[in-house]
């Protein structure tokens, strides 16, 4: 029953895994490896870290629906600003692109991804993977987004320079999400997230944010367990290298 899932080859009873999943989904502000080790009485930090990363890989549902209607898109740096190189220079930081659905004055679902840079080759594939064609994509004046109309999107381009408005005012939802993400990384994980593993913390943040209004912990437990059997297993050696999991049965390279 566990073959081909994140539970493959586990020597631990599944009931303990279920306790781990329940605890992870019950933590409103996120879960840490030290917290999981303490709650479950696990023998080592490495075991708790491995379990958490396996579960984070299951927080993205294979084939999930793309964002619709109107969606704000912008990039943010994780790791602070370095001197020199301009405001879009990556350096040792990580560049994260954020997409947030517009739902009246509120925020709908979100998508996050670490990208190599702010070029069209990095940003446009993210939009295509995260947002359904035909949606209104709201961006700043960055030239990299110029090709959105050719890809089947309605592009609402809001240039900050000369508008009399701040970037926060023109794209309030993505800036709000970016602020919450950075606060979460600092508060829950003390900012101790390597660039290699950042993608999976982004997956966890997205999973929690998109279910922030749920009042049923049992449903979150069920959803994560359901997705855990749809993701192929990854050995510890692959986990520490930041290799992304893939859907069960996939023949693509990880």
C-alpha atoms as a PDB file:
ATOM      1  CA  UNK A   1       0.000   0.000   0.000  1.00  0.00           C
ATOM      2  CA  UNK A   2       2.886   2.401   0.658  1.00  0.00           C
ATOM      3  CA  UNK A   3       4.913   1.606  -2.481  1.00  0.00           C
ATOM      4  CA  UNK A   4       5.364   4.604  -4.750  1.00  0.00           C
ATOM      5  CA  UNK A   5       4.371   7.115  -2.043  1.00  0.00           C
ATOM      6  CA  UNK A   6       6.331   9.255   0.406  1.00  0.00           C
ATOM      7  CA  UNK A   7       5.807   6.442   2.961  1.00  0.00           C
ATOM      8  CA  UNK A   8       7.739   3.893   0.887  1.00  0.00           C
ATOM      9  CA  UNK A   9      10.334   1.903   2.873  1.00  0.00           C
ATOM     10  CA  UNK A  10       9.396   3.582   6.142  1.00  0.00           C
ATOM     11  CA  UNK A  11      10.159   1.580   9.270  1.00  0.00           C
ATOM     12  CA  UNK A  12       7.791   3.672  11.343  1.00  0.00           C
ATOM     13  CA  UNK A  13       4.146   2.690  11.889  1.00  0.00           C
ATOM     14  CA  UNK A  14       1.773   4.700   9.703  1.00  0.00           C
ATOM     15  CA  UNK A  15      -0.123   5.775  12.807  1.00  0.00           C
ATOM     16  CA  UNK A  16       2.912   7.875  13.796  1.00  0.00           C
ATOM     17  CA  UNK A  17       3.023   9.384  10.311  1.00  0.00           C
ATOM     18  CA  UNK A  18      -0.668  10.244  10.687  1.00  0.00           C
ATOM     19  CA  UNK A  19       0.073  11.952  13.991  1.00  0.00           C
ATOM     20  CA  UNK A  20       2.788  13.945  12.227  1.00  0.00           C
ATOM     21  CA  UNK A  21       0.398  15.002   9.444  1.00  0.00           C
ATOM     22  CA  UNK A  22      -2.261  15.981  11.988  1.00  0.00           C
ATOM     23  CA  UNK A  23       0.241  18.086  13.929  1.00  0.00           C
ATOM     24  CA  UNK A  24       1.601  19.770  10.787  1.00  0.00           C
ATOM     25  CA  UNK A  25      -1.876  20.711   9.533  1.00  0.00           C
ATOM     26  CA  UNK A  26      -2.901  21.889  13.003  1.00  0.00           C
ATOM     27  CA  UNK A  27      -0.086  24.442  13.294  1.00  0.00           C
ATOM     28  CA  UNK A  28      -1.563  27.752  12.174  1.00  0.00           C
ATOM     29  CA  UNK A  29       1.808  29.453  11.733  1.00  0.00           C
ATOM     30  CA  UNK A  30       3.761  26.554  10.267  1.00  0.00           C
ATOM     31  CA  UNK A  31       5.751  23.616  11.539  1.00  0.00           C
ATOM     32  CA  UNK A  32       9.428  23.258  12.440  1.00  0.00           C
ATOM     33  CA  UNK A  33      11.548  20.131  12.595  1.00  0.00           C
ATOM     34  CA  UNK A  34      12.398  20.782  16.263  1.00  0.00           C
ATOM     35  CA  UNK A  35       8.696  21.085  17.092  1.00  0.00           C
ATOM     36  CA  UNK A  36       7.862  17.844  15.295  1.00  0.00           C
ATOM     37  CA  UNK A  37      10.740  16.029  16.988  1.00  0.00           C
ATOM     38  CA  UNK A  38       9.547  17.184  20.401  1.00  0.00           C
ATOM     39  CA  UNK A  39       5.844  16.399  19.875  1.00  0.00           C
ATOM     40  CA  UNK A  40       6.375  12.906  18.441  1.00  0.00           C
ATOM     41  CA  UNK A  41       9.398  12.007  20.561  1.00  0.00           C
ATOM     42  CA  UNK A  42      11.476  11.208  17.491  1.00  0.00           C
ATOM     43  CA  UNK A  43      15.002  10.018  18.147  1.00  0.00           C
ATOM     44  CA  UNK A  44      16.783  12.525  15.929  1.00  0.00           C
ATOM     45  CA  UNK A  45      16.428  15.944  14.357  1.00  0.00           C
ATOM     46  CA  UNK A  46      17.372  14.437  10.990  1.00  0.00           C
ATOM     47  CA  UNK A  47      14.306  12.172  11.083  1.00  0.00           C
ATOM     48  CA  UNK A  48      11.992  15.091  11.878  1.00  0.00           C
ATOM     49  CA  UNK A  49      13.590  17.245   9.151  1.00  0.00           C
ATOM     50  CA  UNK A  50      13.238  14.433   6.604  1.00  0.00           C
ATOM     51  CA  UNK A  51       9.589  13.817   7.481  1.00  0.00           C
ATOM     52  CA  UNK A  52       8.734  17.507   7.225  1.00  0.00           C
ATOM     53  CA  UNK A  53      10.369  17.861   3.834  1.00  0.00           C
ATOM     54  CA  UNK A  54       8.575  14.795   2.543  1.00  0.00           C
ATOM     55  CA  UNK A  55       5.279  16.307   3.675  1.00  0.00           C
ATOM     56  CA  UNK A  56       6.129  19.687   2.151  1.00  0.00           C
ATOM     57  CA  UNK A  57       6.613  17.945  -1.187  1.00  0.00           C
ATOM     58  CA  UNK A  58       3.077  16.624  -0.866  1.00  0.00           C
ATOM     59  CA  UNK A  59       1.596  20.075  -0.299  1.00  0.00           C
ATOM     60  CA  UNK A  60       1.385  20.763  -4.033  1.00  0.00           C
ATOM     61  CA  UNK A  61      -1.401  18.771  -5.648  1.00  0.00           C
ATOM     62  CA  UNK A  62      -0.399  17.358  -9.041  1.00  0.00           C
ATOM     63  CA  UNK A  63      -2.517  18.975 -11.750  1.00  0.00           C
ATOM     64  CA  UNK A  64      -3.921  21.685  -9.471  1.00  0.00           C
ATOM     65  CA  UNK A  65      -6.150  24.329 -11.031  1.00  0.00           C
ATOM     66  CA  UNK A  66      -4.581  27.523 -12.283  1.00  0.00           C
ATOM     67  CA  UNK A  67      -5.552  30.966 -10.999  1.00  0.00           C
ATOM     68  CA  UNK A  68      -8.403  32.726 -12.819  1.00  0.00           C
ATOM     69  CA  UNK A  69     -10.144  36.057 -13.484  1.00  0.00           C
ATOM     70  CA  UNK A  70      -7.806  38.905 -12.414  1.00  0.00           C
ATOM     71  CA  UNK A  71      -4.368  38.096 -10.957  1.00  0.00           C
ATOM     72  CA  UNK A  72      -1.600  40.376  -9.695  1.00  0.00           C
ATOM     73  CA  UNK A  73       1.978  39.271 -10.416  1.00  0.00           C
ATOM     74  CA  UNK A  74       5.226  40.714  -9.079  1.00  0.00           C
ATOM     75  CA  UNK A  75       8.630  39.617  -7.783  1.00  0.00           C
ATOM     76  CA  UNK A  76      10.210  39.971  -4.367  1.00  0.00           C
ATOM     77  CA  UNK A  77      13.602  39.192  -2.874  1.00  0.00           C
ATOM     78  CA  UNK A  78      13.973  36.795   0.039  1.00  0.00           C
ATOM     79  CA  UNK A  79      17.128  37.334   2.025  1.00  0.00           C
ATOM     80  CA  UNK A  80      17.400  41.110   2.188  1.00  0.00           C
ATOM     81  CA  UNK A  81      18.913  43.740  -0.081  1.00  0.00           C
ATOM     82  CA  UNK A  82      22.596  43.539  -1.011  1.00  0.00           C
ATOM     83  CA  UNK A  83      24.616  46.639  -1.845  1.00  0.00           C
ATOM     84  CA  UNK A  84      25.325  47.207  -5.526  1.00  0.00           C
ATOM     85  CA  UNK A  85      23.895  45.573  -8.605  1.00  0.00           C
ATOM     86  CA  UNK A  86      20.567  47.416  -8.696  1.00  0.00           C
ATOM     87  CA  UNK A  87      17.259  46.555  -7.097  1.00  0.00           C
ATOM     88  CA  UNK A  88      16.678  43.534  -9.369  1.00  0.00           C
ATOM     89  CA  UNK A  89      20.169  42.065  -8.859  1.00  0.00           C
ATOM     90  CA  UNK A  90      19.821  38.606  -7.310  1.00  0.00           C
ATOM     91  CA  UNK A  91      23.310  37.939  -5.903  1.00  0.00           C
ATOM     92  CA  UNK A  92      23.087  35.673  -2.854  1.00  0.00           C
ATOM     93  CA  UNK A  93      19.400  36.393  -2.362  1.00  0.00           C
ATOM     94  CA  UNK A  94      16.511  34.403  -3.813  1.00  0.00           C
ATOM     95  CA  UNK A  95      14.068  35.981  -6.240  1.00  0.00           C
ATOM     96  CA  UNK A  96      10.490  34.811  -5.720  1.00  0.00           C
ATOM     97  CA  UNK A  97       7.645  35.573  -8.112  1.00  0.00           C
ATOM     98  CA  UNK A  98       4.198  35.954  -6.521  1.00  0.00           C
ATOM     99  CA  UNK A  99       0.765  35.619  -8.127  1.00  0.00           C
ATOM    100  CA  UNK A 100      -2.361  36.553  -6.164  1.00  0.00           C
ATOM    101  CA  UNK A 101      -5.974  36.397  -7.315  1.00  0.00           C
ATOM    102  CA  UNK A 102      -8.032  39.585  -7.048  1.00  0.00           C
ATOM    103  CA  UNK A 103     -11.282  38.902  -5.246  1.00  0.00           C
ATOM    104  CA  UNK A 104     -12.837  42.290  -4.653  1.00  0.00           C
ATOM    105  CA  UNK A 105     -10.641  43.960  -2.071  1.00  0.00           C
ATOM    106  CA  UNK A 106      -9.521  40.571  -0.779  1.00  0.00           C
ATOM    107  CA  UNK A 107      -6.914  38.024  -1.874  1.00  0.00           C
ATOM    108  CA  UNK A 108      -7.975  34.732  -3.410  1.00  0.00           C
ATOM    109  CA  UNK A 109      -5.567  31.882  -4.052  1.00  0.00           C
ATOM    110  CA  UNK A 110      -1.835  32.425  -4.503  1.00  0.00           C
ATOM    111  CA  UNK A 111       1.083  30.806  -6.274  1.00  0.00           C
ATOM    112  CA  UNK A 112       4.802  31.253  -5.466  1.00  0.00           C
ATOM    113  CA  UNK A 113       7.982  30.135  -7.180  1.00  0.00           C
ATOM    114  CA  UNK A 114      11.683  30.828  -6.904  1.00  0.00           C
ATOM    115  CA  UNK A 115      13.076  32.001 -10.243  1.00  0.00           C
ATOM    116  CA  UNK A 116      16.602  32.516 -11.505  1.00  0.00           C
ATOM    117  CA  UNK A 117      16.109  36.153 -12.510  1.00  0.00           C
ATOM    118  CA  UNK A 118      13.534  38.701 -13.686  1.00  0.00           C
ATOM    119  CA  UNK A 119      13.889  37.928 -17.391  1.00  0.00           C
ATOM    120  CA  UNK A 120      10.987  36.960 -19.636  1.00  0.00           C
ATOM    121  CA  UNK A 121      12.446  33.437 -19.871  1.00  0.00           C
ATOM    122  CA  UNK A 122      11.970  33.057 -16.097  1.00  0.00           C
ATOM    123  CA  UNK A 123       8.732  34.977 -15.510  1.00  0.00           C
ATOM    124  CA  UNK A 124       6.522  34.047 -18.473  1.00  0.00           C
ATOM    125  CA  UNK A 125       6.727  30.257 -17.890  1.00  0.00           C
ATOM    126  CA  UNK A 126       5.664  30.875 -14.287  1.00  0.00           C
ATOM    127  CA  UNK A 127       2.617  32.830 -15.459  1.00  0.00           C
ATOM    128  CA  UNK A 128       1.694  30.098 -17.931  1.00  0.00           C
ATOM    129  CA  UNK A 129       1.935  27.424 -15.254  1.00  0.00           C
ATOM    130  CA  UNK A 130       0.113  29.383 -12.559  1.00  0.00           C
ATOM    131  CA  UNK A 131      -2.580  31.383 -14.387  1.00  0.00           C
ATOM    132  CA  UNK A 132      -5.265  30.189 -16.789  1.00  0.00           C
ATOM    133  CA  UNK A 133      -5.276  31.717 -20.307  1.00  0.00           C
ATOM    134  CA  UNK A 134      -7.800  34.520 -20.735  1.00  0.00           C
ATOM    135  CA  UNK A 135      -7.233  35.899 -17.232  1.00  0.00           C
ATOM    136  CA  UNK A 136      -6.304  39.516 -16.615  1.00  0.00           C
ATOM    137  CA  UNK A 137      -2.666  39.615 -15.471  1.00  0.00           C
ATOM    138  CA  UNK A 138      -1.788  42.790 -13.577  1.00  0.00           C
ATOM    139  CA  UNK A 139       1.923  43.665 -13.442  1.00  0.00           C
ATOM    140  CA  UNK A 140       4.222  46.627 -13.041  1.00  0.00           C
ATOM    141  CA  UNK A 141       6.050  48.136 -16.004  1.00  0.00           C
ATOM    142  CA  UNK A 142       8.811  45.512 -16.195  1.00  0.00           C
ATOM    143  CA  UNK A 143       9.606  44.806 -19.854  1.00  0.00           C
ATOM    144  CA  UNK A 144       9.776  41.049 -19.201  1.00  0.00           C
ATOM    145  CA  UNK A 145       5.969  40.909 -19.038  1.00  0.00           C
ATOM    146  CA  UNK A 146       5.498  42.462 -22.496  1.00  0.00           C
ATOM    147  CA  UNK A 147       4.790  39.083 -24.098  1.00  0.00           C
ATOM    148  CA  UNK A 148       1.740  38.240 -21.970  1.00  0.00           C
ATOM    149  CA  UNK A 149      -0.789  39.372 -24.585  1.00  0.00           C
ATOM    150  CA  UNK A 150       0.798  37.059 -27.174  1.00  0.00           C
ATOM    151  CA  UNK A 151       0.319  34.157 -24.750  1.00  0.00           C
ATOM    152  CA  UNK A 152      -3.434  34.672 -24.501  1.00  0.00           C
ATOM    153  CA  UNK A 153      -3.647  36.884 -21.412  1.00  0.00           C
ATOM    154  CA  UNK A 154      -5.201  40.310 -20.992  1.00  0.00           C
ATOM    155  CA  UNK A 155      -2.324  42.396 -19.701  1.00  0.00           C
ATOM    156  CA  UNK A 156      -3.035  45.255 -17.289  1.00  0.00           C
ATOM    157  CA  UNK A 157       0.342  47.027 -17.118  1.00  0.00           C
ATOM    158  CA  UNK A 158       0.694  49.518 -14.246  1.00  0.00           C
ATOM    159  CA  UNK A 159       3.800  51.670 -14.484  1.00  0.00           C
ATOM    160  CA  UNK A 160       4.866  53.030 -11.110  1.00  0.00           C
ATOM    161  CA  UNK A 161       7.175  55.752 -12.426  1.00  0.00           C
ATOM    162  CA  UNK A 162       5.214  58.938 -12.979  1.00  0.00           C
ATOM    163  CA  UNK A 163       1.926  57.485 -11.734  1.00  0.00           C
ATOM    164  CA  UNK A 164       1.998  59.252  -8.390  1.00  0.00           C
ATOM    165  CA  UNK A 165       1.267  55.890  -6.742  1.00  0.00           C
ATOM    166  CA  UNK A 166       3.548  53.546  -4.830  1.00  0.00           C
ATOM    167  CA  UNK A 167       4.109  49.948  -5.931  1.00  0.00           C
ATOM    168  CA  UNK A 168       2.206  48.839  -2.828  1.00  0.00           C
ATOM    169  CA  UNK A 169      -0.825  50.836  -3.939  1.00  0.00           C
ATOM    170  CA  UNK A 170      -0.760  49.609  -7.549  1.00  0.00           C
ATOM    171  CA  UNK A 171      -0.223  45.942  -6.663  1.00  0.00           C
ATOM    172  CA  UNK A 172      -1.470  45.684  -3.071  1.00  0.00           C
ATOM    173  CA  UNK A 173      -2.224  41.956  -2.936  1.00  0.00           C
ATOM    174  CA  UNK A 174       1.137  40.612  -4.077  1.00  0.00           C
ATOM    175  CA  UNK A 175       2.941  43.046  -1.794  1.00  0.00           C
ATOM    176  CA  UNK A 176       0.781  41.889   1.111  1.00  0.00           C
ATOM    177  CA  UNK A 177       1.573  38.242   0.342  1.00  0.00           C
ATOM    178  CA  UNK A 178       5.294  39.010   0.023  1.00  0.00           C
ATOM    179  CA  UNK A 179       5.271  40.756   3.400  1.00  0.00           C
ATOM    180  CA  UNK A 180       3.467  37.833   5.064  1.00  0.00           C
ATOM    181  CA  UNK A 181       5.870  35.340   3.482  1.00  0.00           C
ATOM    182  CA  UNK A 182       8.952  37.128   4.810  1.00  0.00           C
ATOM    183  CA  UNK A 183       7.397  37.509   8.260  1.00  0.00           C
ATOM    184  CA  UNK A 184       6.550  33.779   8.258  1.00  0.00           C
ATOM    185  CA  UNK A 185      10.057  32.740   7.237  1.00  0.00           C
ATOM    186  CA  UNK A 186      11.559  34.897   9.990  1.00  0.00           C
ATOM    187  CA  UNK A 187       9.010  34.033  12.659  1.00  0.00           C
ATOM    188  CA  UNK A 188       8.565  30.288  12.162  1.00  0.00           C
ATOM    189  CA  UNK A 189      11.955  29.390  10.726  1.00  0.00           C
ATOM    190  CA  UNK A 190      14.098  32.298  12.007  1.00  0.00           C
ATOM    191  CA  UNK A 191      15.089  32.972   8.387  1.00  0.00           C
ATOM    192  CA  UNK A 192      17.217  29.801   8.389  1.00  0.00           C
ATOM    193  CA  UNK A 193      15.987  28.562   5.002  1.00  0.00           C
ATOM    194  CA  UNK A 194      18.571  27.707   2.361  1.00  0.00           C
ATOM    195  CA  UNK A 195      18.018  28.796  -1.220  1.00  0.00           C
ATOM    196  CA  UNK A 196      18.138  25.134  -2.314  1.00  0.00           C
ATOM    197  CA  UNK A 197      15.155  24.237  -0.126  1.00  0.00           C
ATOM    198  CA  UNK A 198      13.208  27.477  -0.409  1.00  0.00           C
ATOM    199  CA  UNK A 199      10.815  26.046  -3.027  1.00  0.00           C
ATOM    200  CA  UNK A 200       9.371  23.640  -0.484  1.00  0.00           C
ATOM    201  CA  UNK A 201       8.853  26.292   2.160  1.00  0.00           C
ATOM    202  CA  UNK A 202       7.048  28.287  -0.533  1.00  0.00           C
ATOM    203  CA  UNK A 203       4.849  25.231  -1.132  1.00  0.00           C
ATOM    204  CA  UNK A 204       4.044  25.038   2.579  1.00  0.00           C
ATOM    205  CA  UNK A 205       3.237  28.741   2.782  1.00  0.00           C
ATOM    206  CA  UNK A 206       0.975  28.445  -0.273  1.00  0.00           C
ATOM    207  CA  UNK A 207      -0.790  25.379   1.160  1.00  0.00           C
ATOM    208  CA  UNK A 208      -1.497  27.177   4.418  1.00  0.00           C
ATOM    209  CA  UNK A 209      -2.430  30.532   2.873  1.00  0.00           C
ATOM    210  CA  UNK A 210      -4.895  29.039   0.406  1.00  0.00           C
ATOM    211  CA  UNK A 211      -6.624  27.212   3.245  1.00  0.00           C
ATOM    212  CA  UNK A 212      -6.405  29.992   5.811  1.00  0.00           C
ATOM    213  CA  UNK A 213     -10.188  30.308   6.155  1.00  0.00           C
ATOM    214  CA  UNK A 214     -10.821  26.587   6.659  1.00  0.00           C
ATOM    215  CA  UNK A 215     -12.380  25.762  10.021  1.00  0.00           C
ATOM    216  CA  UNK A 216     -11.994  22.027   9.590  1.00  0.00           C
ATOM    217  CA  UNK A 217      -8.583  20.683  10.575  1.00  0.00           C
ATOM    218  CA  UNK A 218      -9.754  17.200   9.628  1.00  0.00           C
ATOM    219  CA  UNK A 219     -10.217  18.263   6.011  1.00  0.00           C
ATOM    220  CA  UNK A 220      -6.681  19.683   5.859  1.00  0.00           C
ATOM    221  CA  UNK A 221      -5.369  16.422   7.315  1.00  0.00           C
ATOM    222  CA  UNK A 222      -7.282  14.468   4.684  1.00  0.00           C
ATOM    223  CA  UNK A 223      -6.064  16.671   1.816  1.00  0.00           C
ATOM    224  CA  UNK A 224      -2.409  16.381   2.796  1.00  0.00           C
ATOM    225  CA  UNK A 225      -2.695  12.627   3.283  1.00  0.00           C
ATOM    226  CA  UNK A 226      -4.456  12.324  -0.073  1.00  0.00           C
ATOM    227  CA  UNK A 227      -1.643  14.225  -1.799  1.00  0.00           C
ATOM    228  CA  UNK A 228       1.055  12.280   0.052  1.00  0.00           C
ATOM    229  CA  UNK A 229       0.123   9.100  -1.837  1.00  0.00           C
ATOM    230  CA  UNK A 230       0.229  10.944  -5.192  1.00  0.00           C
ATOM    231  CA  UNK A 231       3.868  12.074  -4.897  1.00  0.00           C
ATOM    232  CA  UNK A 232       6.728   9.721  -5.728  1.00  0.00           C
ATOM    233  CA  UNK A 233       9.168   8.826  -2.919  1.00  0.00           C
ATOM    234  CA  UNK A 234      12.481  10.617  -2.566  1.00  0.00           C
ATOM    235  CA  UNK A 235      15.486   9.285  -0.646  1.00  0.00           C
ATOM    236  CA  UNK A 236      17.259  11.410   1.939  1.00  0.00           C
ATOM    237  CA  UNK A 237      20.162  12.087  -0.460  1.00  0.00           C
ATOM    238  CA  UNK A 238      17.742  13.709  -2.907  1.00  0.00           C
ATOM    239  CA  UNK A 239      16.006  15.672  -0.154  1.00  0.00           C
ATOM    240  CA  UNK A 240      19.176  17.390   1.041  1.00  0.00           C
ATOM    241  CA  UNK A 241      19.963  18.456  -2.540  1.00  0.00           C
ATOM    242  CA  UNK A 242      16.596  20.145  -2.871  1.00  0.00           C
ATOM    243  CA  UNK A 243      15.327  17.803  -5.593  1.00  0.00           C
ATOM    244  CA  UNK A 244      11.646  18.422  -6.309  1.00  0.00           C
ATOM    245  CA  UNK A 245       9.237  15.543  -6.018  1.00  0.00           C
ATOM    246  CA  UNK A 246       7.093  14.473  -8.952  1.00  0.00           C
ATOM    247  CA  UNK A 247       3.662  12.880  -9.399  1.00  0.00           C
ATOM    248  CA  UNK A 248       3.367   9.139  -8.891  1.00  0.00           C
ATOM    249  CA  UNK A 249       4.062   7.258 -12.101  1.00  0.00           C
ATOM    250  CA  UNK A 250       5.927  10.124 -13.781  1.00  0.00           C
ATOM    251  CA  UNK A 251       8.938   9.236 -15.896  1.00  0.00           C
ATOM    252  CA  UNK A 252      10.275  12.795 -16.004  1.00  0.00           C
ATOM    253  CA  UNK A 253      13.556  13.654 -14.353  1.00  0.00           C
ATOM    254  CA  UNK A 254      13.055  15.002 -10.806  1.00  0.00           C
END
